[in-house]
Amino acid sequence: MLMKLYNTLIYILYPLAISRYIEKRKKIGKEDVKRFNERIGRPVKPRPEGKLIWMHGASVGESISMLPLIERLLQIYPDAHIMVTTGTTTSAEVMAKRLPERAFHQYLPIDHPIFATRFIRHWHPDIVLWFESDFWPAMLSGIKRKNLPLILVNGRISNKSFKRWQQFEFVIKELLDCFTLCLGQSEEDTYRLRVLGAKNTLCLGNLKYAGLPLPVDEKVKDDFATQIQNRTAWLVSSTHDDEEYKIGRFLKDLAQKVPNLLTVIAPRHPQRGAEIKERLEKELHLNVALRSQNEPITDKTEVYIADTIGEMGIWYTLFPLVFVGGSLIPHGGQNFMEPSRYRDAVIVGPHMHNFTDAMNRAKKADAIIQVNDVLDLADMVENLLTNPELLEAKCSLAYNWASSEAKVLDGIVEKIKEYMD
């Protein structure tokens, strides 16, 4: 009933308000004008022959988390193709660079029953894998009408979303009823999905644990290894505003205890590189070089700012000790599993609430080092950089944990095969 009401309202509101909003998005560059036909369910690309697996994810992060699964499914089904849909231009750009052969990107249509019907009729997928926590009623109801297997993969229901949906149980129950199977990324998420009305739920783990290796330009990596030579270096990754300054304040003292120290900072938002350099130089009198300006690492360089996109694999490969940012401030942390897969010892700050489940699992395996504040961080970095045996042990623990967690991919693939074969 609610689906029918929603679809009726969209019919009425689209010409009156929604279309105007879309036009504004076009003007400010949030819509891909050249491919806007995809957003109204009129794709130009023909449907490939054979099995077609459709995967949908909203953000860049969700899209990247699909890549290991895409690789595995294409290996299992050599005649199949995979269509990845997203809603943002940024995720489209990322997918264009990273999708393998027999996989392609399309924009998800605007949630209108006509656009959804056109889209489903044109592509007629054999199965739909939904990686998004936003549930689009017109599209989901269209999938259900066609009796297509629809699986929620890596489902996450935050505490805030859970409380909000509990106030509208009649809505979420009808939305979740569209799914053939809901795979929660943690036991807590699976429990919440069940409470909200999902009929068939299961927890096989978090697919983000099974991420593919990041791209590494070997020539660039070797060039940096030559510049660094025998210096003792560590990486500060995915930092947010003020974290670089907090860390920068203890670097002069740390260099007294760790001779020939080099600190490499890879900010979460690379465009902040010049701003970070200016502050570290002016306020802390550090000698700073900037990657985006092709400034070399010399004997005098104390801090190197890696303010580029697509080179994290290089830094994770070069440095055995990594601090992951977004955790010294109340942001909630960034992905700490990634450097673990590169056999790096990983340190995080106190604020890791975005990764509660992963943190609990890593702590049980002694695979993560969590510090209380920046003073603890300084002591921990000194301890690890001056104690090679301890650093090696922490690297091994992190890698062994990350490798074991990556097995979640096997379980998810087996479940998908039940609906494909």
Protein backbone atom coordinates (compact mmCIF):
# COMPACT_ATOMS: atom_id res chain seq x y z
CA MET A 1 0.00 0.00 0.00
CA LEU A 2 2.76 2.45 0.96
CA MET A 3 4.69 1.68 -2.21
CA LYS A 4 1.64 2.50 -4.32
CA LEU A 5 1.08 5.74 -2.40
CA TYR A 6 4.75 6.72 -2.80
CA ASN A 7 4.73 6.03 -6.54
CA THR A 8 1.55 8.08 -6.97
CA LEU A 9 3.09 11.03 -5.09
CA ILE A 10 6.23 10.87 -7.24
CA TYR A 11 4.08 11.01 -10.39
CA ILE A 12 2.50 14.21 -9.07
CA LEU A 13 5.57 15.85 -7.54
CA TYR A 14 8.11 15.19 -10.29
CA PRO A 15 6.92 17.85 -12.76
CA LEU A 16 6.04 20.27 -9.96
CA ALA A 17 9.19 20.16 -7.81
CA ILE A 18 11.58 17.26 -8.32
CA SER A 19 12.45 18.14 -11.92
CA ARG A 20 13.40 21.68 -10.82
CA TYR A 21 15.68 20.26 -8.16
CA ILE A 22 17.33 18.03 -10.75
CA GLU A 23 17.91 21.02 -13.03
CA LYS A 24 19.69 22.81 -10.19
CA ARG A 25 21.90 19.76 -9.66
CA LYS A 26 22.82 19.84 -13.35
CA LYS A 27 23.86 23.49 -13.14
CA ILE A 28 26.18 22.95 -10.17
CA GLY A 29 27.81 19.85 -11.67
CA LYS A 30 26.22 17.21 -9.45
CA GLU A 31 24.59 15.52 -12.44
CA ASP A 32 26.43 14.11 -15.45
CA VAL A 33 24.68 16.02 -18.23
CA LYS A 34 26.24 13.90 -20.99
CA ARG A 35 24.82 10.73 -19.47
CA PHE A 36 21.61 12.12 -18.01
CA ASN A 37 19.56 9.75 -20.16
CA GLU A 38 20.63 7.01 -17.74
CA ARG A 39 19.04 8.94 -14.88
CA ILE A 40 15.64 8.75 -16.57
CA GLY A 41 15.88 5.06 -17.42
CA ARG A 42 16.92 5.43 -21.06
CA PRO A 43 20.36 3.82 -21.28
CA VAL A 44 22.24 3.93 -24.59
CA LYS A 45 24.40 0.87 -23.94
CA PRO A 46 22.76 -2.42 -25.00
CA ARG A 47 22.29 -5.26 -22.56
CA PRO A 48 25.14 -7.76 -22.89
CA GLU A 49 24.26 -11.36 -23.66
CA GLY A 50 24.27 -14.01 -20.95
CA LYS A 51 23.91 -13.56 -17.22
CA LEU A 52 23.85 -9.99 -15.91
CA ILE A 53 24.59 -9.28 -12.25
CA TRP A 54 23.51 -5.83 -11.07
CA MET A 55 25.30 -4.25 -8.09
CA HIS A 56 24.24 -0.93 -6.62
CA GLY A 57 26.06 1.29 -4.13
CA ALA A 58 25.63 4.96 -3.37
CA SER A 59 29.07 6.25 -2.42
CA VAL A 60 32.67 5.82 -3.49
CA GLY A 61 33.35 3.71 -0.40
CA GLU A 62 30.50 1.31 -1.12
CA SER A 63 31.53 1.08 -4.76
CA ILE A 64 35.13 0.22 -3.88
CA SER A 65 33.96 -2.41 -1.38
CA MET A 66 32.29 -4.22 -4.31
CA LEU A 67 35.54 -4.74 -6.24
CA PRO A 68 36.71 -8.01 -4.60
CA LEU A 69 33.23 -9.47 -5.07
CA ILE A 70 33.14 -8.32 -8.70
CA GLU A 71 36.50 -9.98 -9.40
CA ARG A 72 35.40 -13.25 -7.77
CA LEU A 73 32.01 -13.45 -9.51
CA LEU A 74 33.55 -12.78 -12.92
CA GLN A 75 35.96 -15.67 -12.27
CA ILE A 76 33.12 -18.02 -11.30
CA TYR A 77 30.86 -16.97 -14.19
CA PRO A 78 33.15 -16.45 -17.23
CA ASP A 79 30.22 -15.65 -19.52
CA ALA A 80 28.54 -13.17 -17.15
CA HIS A 81 28.70 -9.38 -17.06
CA ILE A 82 28.37 -7.08 -14.05
CA MET A 83 26.63 -3.73 -14.06
CA VAL A 84 27.53 -1.33 -11.25
CA THR A 85 25.17 1.55 -10.55
CA THR A 86 25.83 4.61 -8.41
CA GLY A 87 24.24 8.02 -8.06
CA THR A 88 27.21 10.40 -7.94
CA THR A 89 29.62 11.68 -10.57
CA THR A 90 32.61 11.05 -8.27
CA SER A 91 31.81 7.36 -7.84
CA ALA A 92 31.28 7.08 -11.61
CA GLU A 93 34.80 8.44 -12.22
CA VAL A 94 36.34 6.04 -9.69
CA MET A 95 34.51 3.03 -11.13
CA ALA A 96 35.52 3.94 -14.69
CA LYS A 97 39.17 3.57 -13.63
CA ARG A 98 38.86 0.43 -11.51
CA LEU A 99 36.20 -1.82 -13.05
CA PRO A 100 37.63 -4.91 -14.77
CA GLU A 101 36.69 -6.28 -18.19
CA ARG A 102 33.06 -7.48 -18.42
CA ALA A 103 32.00 -4.95 -15.77
CA PHE A 104 30.56 -1.53 -16.58
CA HIS A 105 29.00 1.47 -14.84
CA GLN A 106 25.57 3.06 -15.17
CA TYR A 107 23.87 5.80 -13.18
CA LEU A 108 20.95 4.71 -11.02
CA PRO A 109 17.74 6.29 -12.33
CA ILE A 110 15.98 8.97 -10.34
CA ASP A 111 13.47 7.16 -8.11
CA HIS A 112 10.40 7.47 -10.30
CA PRO A 113 8.25 4.41 -11.18
CA ILE A 114 8.45 5.08 -14.92
CA PHE A 115 12.24 5.50 -14.90
CA ALA A 116 12.66 2.40 -12.70
CA THR A 117 10.43 0.28 -14.95
CA ARG A 118 12.31 1.37 -18.08
CA PHE A 119 15.63 0.59 -16.43
CA ILE A 120 14.65 -2.89 -15.22
CA ARG A 121 12.96 -3.77 -18.53
CA HIS A 122 16.06 -2.76 -20.51
CA TRP A 123 18.67 -4.53 -18.38
CA HIS A 124 16.60 -7.41 -17.02
CA PRO A 125 19.29 -8.53 -14.54
CA ASP A 126 19.47 -12.09 -13.24
CA ILE A 127 20.15 -10.92 -9.68
CA VAL A 128 20.42 -7.59 -7.82
CA LEU A 129 23.00 -6.98 -5.08
CA TRP A 130 22.18 -3.84 -3.08
CA PHE A 131 25.08 -2.24 -1.17
CA GLU A 132 23.26 0.88 -0.02
CA SER A 133 21.51 1.69 3.24
CA ASP A 134 19.21 4.12 1.40
CA PHE A 135 16.19 2.22 0.12
CA TRP A 136 14.54 3.69 -3.00
CA PRO A 137 10.85 2.62 -2.98
CA ALA A 138 10.10 2.95 -6.72
CA MET A 139 13.15 0.93 -7.72
CA LEU A 140 12.78 -1.71 -4.99
CA SER A 141 9.10 -2.24 -5.74
CA GLY A 142 9.93 -2.52 -9.45
CA ILE A 143 12.52 -5.22 -8.71
CA LYS A 144 10.04 -7.09 -6.54
CA ARG A 145 7.33 -7.00 -9.23
CA LYS A 146 9.73 -8.72 -11.63
CA ASN A 147 10.46 -11.42 -8.99
CA LEU A 148 14.19 -10.79 -9.26
CA PRO A 149 16.44 -12.08 -6.44
CA LEU A 150 17.37 -8.99 -4.41
CA ILE A 151 20.12 -9.32 -1.79
CA LEU A 152 21.19 -6.63 0.65
CA VAL A 153 24.98 -7.02 0.94
CA ASN A 154 27.00 -5.53 3.79
CA GLY A 155 23.81 -4.08 5.24
CA ARG A 156 24.38 -1.47 7.93
CA ILE A 157 21.77 0.12 10.19
CA SER A 158 23.37 2.74 12.43
CA ASN A 159 22.01 3.38 15.91
CA LYS A 160 20.58 6.70 14.70
CA SER A 161 18.88 5.07 11.69
CA PHE A 162 17.58 2.23 13.83
CA LYS A 163 15.87 4.63 16.24
CA ARG A 164 14.44 6.66 13.37
CA TRP A 165 13.10 3.60 11.52
CA GLN A 166 11.50 2.27 14.69
CA GLN A 167 9.21 5.29 14.59
CA PHE A 168 8.17 4.30 11.06
CA GLU A 169 8.15 0.51 11.32
CA PHE A 170 5.29 0.16 8.85
CA VAL A 171 7.46 1.89 6.19
CA ILE A 172 10.73 0.02 6.69
CA LYS A 173 8.96 -3.31 6.97
CA GLU A 174 7.43 -2.90 3.52
CA LEU A 175 10.79 -1.80 2.08
CA LEU A 176 12.69 -4.73 3.62
CA ASP A 177 9.99 -7.09 2.37
CA CYS A 178 11.36 -6.45 -1.13
CA PHE A 179 14.62 -8.22 -0.26
CA THR A 180 15.08 -11.93 -0.79
CA LEU A 181 17.98 -11.98 1.68
CA CYS A 182 19.59 -9.38 3.98
CA LEU A 183 23.27 -9.86 4.85
CA GLY A 184 24.22 -7.61 7.78
CA GLN A 185 27.85 -6.55 8.05
CA SER A 186 27.82 -7.27 11.81
CA GLU A 187 25.67 -9.25 14.23
CA GLU A 188 24.27 -5.97 15.55
CA ASP A 189 23.26 -4.82 12.05
CA THR A 190 21.69 -8.22 11.35
CA TYR A 191 19.71 -8.05 14.59
CA ARG A 192 18.45 -4.56 13.75
CA LEU A 193 17.40 -5.61 10.25
CA ARG A 194 15.47 -8.51 11.76
CA VAL A 195 13.76 -6.27 14.33
CA LEU A 196 12.77 -3.82 11.59
CA GLY A 197 11.06 -6.55 9.58
CA ALA A 198 13.58 -8.33 7.36
CA LYS A 199 12.39 -11.93 6.98
CA ASN A 200 15.58 -13.65 5.85
CA THR A 201 18.72 -12.34 7.58
CA LEU A 202 22.26 -13.58 8.04
CA CYS A 203 25.65 -12.22 9.18
CA LEU A 204 28.67 -13.40 7.21
CA GLY A 205 30.93 -10.45 8.12
CA ASN A 206 31.96 -7.12 6.65
CA LEU A 207 32.90 -7.23 2.96
CA LYS A 208 35.21 -4.23 3.47
CA TYR A 209 37.59 -6.64 5.21
CA ALA A 210 38.17 -8.30 1.83
CA GLY A 211 39.34 -5.22 -0.07
CA LEU A 212 41.52 -5.59 -3.14
CA PRO A 213 45.11 -4.29 -3.00
CA LEU A 214 45.41 -0.63 -3.92
CA PRO A 215 47.15 0.21 -7.20
CA VAL A 216 50.92 0.73 -6.91
CA ASP A 217 53.08 2.38 -9.57
CA GLU A 218 56.31 0.41 -9.08
CA LYS A 219 58.46 3.04 -10.80
CA VAL A 220 57.15 5.81 -8.53
CA LYS A 221 57.51 3.56 -5.47
CA ASP A 222 61.14 2.76 -6.33
CA ASP A 223 61.88 6.44 -6.86
CA PHE A 224 60.57 7.29 -3.40
CA ALA A 225 62.44 4.38 -1.84
CA THR A 226 65.64 5.87 -3.31
CA GLN A 227 64.82 9.33 -1.91
CA ILE A 228 64.06 7.94 1.55
CA GLN A 229 67.17 5.71 1.56
CA ASN A 230 67.89 4.41 5.06
CA ARG A 231 65.85 6.96 6.98
CA THR A 232 63.47 5.81 9.72
CA ALA A 233 60.06 6.69 8.30
CA TRP A 234 56.43 6.31 9.32
CA LEU A 235 53.10 7.22 7.73
CA VAL A 236 50.32 9.43 9.05
CA SER A 237 47.30 8.67 6.83
CA SER A 238 43.76 9.95 6.29
CA THR A 239 44.17 12.93 8.61
CA HIS A 240 41.58 15.64 9.14
CA ASP A 241 41.97 19.30 10.02
CA ASP A 242 44.07 19.91 13.16
CA GLU A 243 45.37 16.34 13.41
CA GLU A 244 48.45 17.24 11.36
CA TYR A 245 49.22 20.12 13.74
CA LYS A 246 48.67 17.95 16.84
CA ILE A 247 51.15 15.40 15.50
CA GLY A 248 53.54 18.01 14.16
CA ARG A 249 53.99 19.44 17.66
CA PHE A 250 55.85 16.35 18.90
CA LEU A 251 57.98 15.67 15.82
CA LYS A 252 60.99 17.78 16.87
CA ASP A 253 61.19 15.94 20.21
CA LEU A 254 60.62 12.57 18.53
CA ALA A 255 63.49 13.27 16.12
CA GLN A 256 65.82 13.64 19.11
CA LYS A 257 64.97 10.07 20.17
CA VAL A 258 64.61 8.57 16.68
CA PRO A 259 67.55 9.79 14.58
CA ASN A 260 67.05 10.48 10.88
CA LEU A 261 63.25 10.51 11.28
CA LEU A 262 60.93 11.19 8.35
CA THR A 263 57.17 11.65 8.77
CA VAL A 264 54.94 11.25 5.70
CA ILE A 265 51.44 12.73 5.98
CA ALA A 266 48.69 11.68 3.53
CA PRO A 267 45.67 13.89 4.37
CA ARG A 268 42.14 12.59 3.87
CA HIS A 269 41.44 15.59 1.62
CA PRO A 270 44.54 16.13 -0.55
CA GLN A 271 43.52 19.66 -1.51
CA ARG A 272 44.51 20.70 2.03
CA GLY A 273 48.17 19.92 1.31
CA ALA A 274 49.43 23.48 0.79
CA GLU A 275 47.50 24.72 3.83
CA ILE A 276 49.02 21.97 6.02
CA LYS A 277 52.52 22.75 4.78
CA GLU A 278 52.15 26.45 5.50
CA ARG A 279 50.97 25.86 9.06
CA LEU A 280 53.64 23.28 9.92
CA GLU A 281 56.37 25.55 8.55
CA LYS A 282 55.18 28.84 10.06
CA GLU A 283 54.01 27.66 13.47
CA LEU A 284 56.21 24.63 14.14
CA HIS A 285 59.27 25.52 12.00
CA LEU A 286 59.34 22.11 10.35
CA ASN A 287 61.01 21.50 6.99
CA VAL A 288 58.13 20.35 4.77
CA ALA A 289 58.00 19.07 1.17
CA LEU A 290 54.85 18.77 -0.95
CA ARG A 291 54.15 15.83 -3.27
CA SER A 292 51.73 17.80 -5.48
CA GLN A 293 54.54 20.27 -6.26
CA ASN A 294 57.01 17.46 -7.03
CA GLU A 295 59.26 18.66 -4.21
CA PRO A 296 61.85 15.96 -3.44
CA ILE A 297 62.62 14.34 -0.11
CA THR A 298 66.06 15.56 0.96
CA ASP A 299 68.18 14.95 4.04
CA LYS A 300 66.66 18.10 5.55
CA THR A 301 63.01 17.12 4.92
CA GLU A 302 61.25 16.44 8.21
CA VAL A 303 57.70 16.11 6.89
CA TYR A 304 56.60 14.99 3.44
CA ILE A 305 52.97 15.70 2.55
CA ALA A 306 51.57 13.12 0.13
CA ASP A 307 48.73 15.29 -1.17
CA THR A 308 47.80 13.26 -4.23
CA ILE A 309 44.99 10.86 -5.13
CA GLY A 310 45.50 7.19 -5.95
CA GLU A 311 48.92 6.67 -4.35
CA MET A 312 48.01 5.26 -0.92
CA GLY A 313 49.15 1.81 -2.04
CA ILE A 314 52.67 3.21 -2.47
CA TRP A 315 52.80 4.67 1.03
CA TYR A 316 51.33 1.56 2.68
CA THR A 317 53.93 -0.56 0.88
CA LEU A 318 56.88 1.63 1.87
CA PHE A 319 56.19 2.22 5.56
CA PRO A 320 55.72 -0.52 8.20
CA LEU A 321 54.16 1.82 10.78
CA VAL A 322 50.94 3.73 10.06
CA PHE A 323 48.78 6.04 12.13
CA VAL A 324 45.22 6.28 10.75
CA GLY A 325 43.60 9.67 11.21
CA GLY A 326 40.07 10.84 11.85
CA SER A 327 40.65 9.31 15.27
CA LEU A 328 42.41 12.03 17.29
CA ILE A 329 39.31 14.18 16.78
CA PRO A 330 35.65 13.11 17.22
CA HIS A 331 35.26 12.19 13.55
CA GLY A 332 34.97 8.45 14.18
CA GLY A 333 38.07 7.17 12.40
CA GLN A 334 38.98 6.03 8.89
CA ASN A 335 39.57 2.59 7.36
CA PHE A 336 42.32 0.93 9.40
CA MET A 337 41.89 -2.49 7.75
CA GLU A 338 43.58 -1.29 4.54
CA PRO A 339 47.11 -0.78 5.94
CA SER A 340 46.74 -4.01 7.93
CA ARG A 341 46.49 -5.90 4.64
CA TYR A 342 49.88 -4.44 3.66
CA ARG A 343 51.46 -5.94 6.78
CA ASP A 344 51.72 -2.57 8.53
CA ALA A 345 51.49 -2.07 12.27
CA VAL A 346 48.51 0.26 12.72
CA ILE A 347 47.87 2.88 15.41
CA VAL A 348 44.56 4.71 15.88
CA GLY A 349 43.35 7.38 18.29
CA PRO A 350 40.48 7.20 20.81
CA HIS A 351 37.67 8.17 18.41
CA MET A 352 36.89 5.08 16.31
CA HIS A 353 33.09 4.83 16.65
CA ASN A 354 32.64 4.46 12.87
CA PHE A 355 34.35 1.07 13.12
CA THR A 356 33.11 -0.34 16.43
CA ASP A 357 32.62 -3.91 15.23
CA ALA A 358 35.92 -4.04 13.32
CA MET A 359 37.79 -2.51 16.27
CA ASN A 360 36.39 -5.10 18.68
CA ARG A 361 37.48 -7.92 16.40
CA ALA A 362 40.93 -6.44 15.80
CA LYS A 363 41.48 -5.87 19.53
CA LYS A 364 40.67 -9.51 20.28
CA ALA A 365 43.40 -10.49 17.82
CA ASP A 366 45.82 -7.87 19.24
CA ALA A 367 45.94 -6.52 15.68
CA ILE A 368 45.41 -2.82 16.39
CA ILE A 369 47.11 -0.31 18.68
CA GLN A 370 44.77 2.30 20.16
CA VAL A 371 46.16 5.33 22.01
CA ASN A 372 44.30 7.70 24.32
CA ASP A 373 45.68 10.99 23.01
CA VAL A 374 48.50 12.60 21.05
CA LEU A 375 50.97 12.21 23.96
CA ASP A 376 50.33 8.46 24.01
CA LEU A 377 50.76 8.45 20.24
CA ALA A 378 54.20 10.08 20.50
CA ASP A 379 55.33 7.51 23.08
CA MET A 380 53.97 4.60 21.04
CA VAL A 381 55.63 5.75 17.81
CA GLU A 382 58.96 6.15 19.62
CA ASN A 383 58.62 2.70 21.17
CA LEU A 384 57.86 0.99 17.86
CA LEU A 385 60.42 2.83 15.75
CA THR A 386 63.21 2.10 18.25
CA ASN A 387 62.22 -1.52 18.82
CA PRO A 388 62.37 -3.45 15.51
CA GLU A 389 61.33 -6.77 17.07
CA LEU A 390 58.18 -5.25 18.60
CA LEU A 391 57.34 -3.49 15.33
CA GLU A 392 57.75 -6.76 13.40
CA ALA A 393 55.49 -8.59 15.85
CA LYS A 394 52.76 -5.94 15.52
CA CYS A 395 53.03 -6.07 11.71
CA SER A 396 52.53 -9.84 11.77
CA LEU A 397 49.51 -9.65 14.09
CA ALA A 398 47.84 -6.99 11.93
CA TYR A 399 48.42 -8.93 8.72
CA ASN A 400 47.29 -12.29 10.11
CA TRP A 401 44.05 -10.73 11.36
CA ALA A 402 43.36 -8.91 8.09
CA SER A 403 43.98 -12.10 6.12
CA SER A 404 41.60 -14.15 8.26
CA GLU A 405 38.88 -11.50 8.05
CA ALA A 406 39.13 -11.45 4.25
CA LYS A 407 37.51 -14.91 4.21
CA VAL A 408 34.13 -13.20 4.54
CA LEU A 409 34.16 -12.95 0.75
CA ASP A 410 33.93 -16.74 0.42
CA GLY A 411 30.75 -16.90 2.50
CA ILE A 412 29.04 -14.09 0.60
CA VAL A 413 29.91 -15.64 -2.77
CA GLU A 414 28.47 -19.00 -1.72
CA LYS A 415 25.17 -17.33 -0.75
CA ILE A 416 24.95 -15.45 -4.05
CA LYS A 417 25.59 -18.67 -5.98
CA GLU A 418 22.47 -20.19 -4.39
CA TYR A 419 20.37 -17.59 -6.25
CA MET A 420 22.41 -17.66 -9.46
CA ASP A 421 22.66 -21.38 -10.21
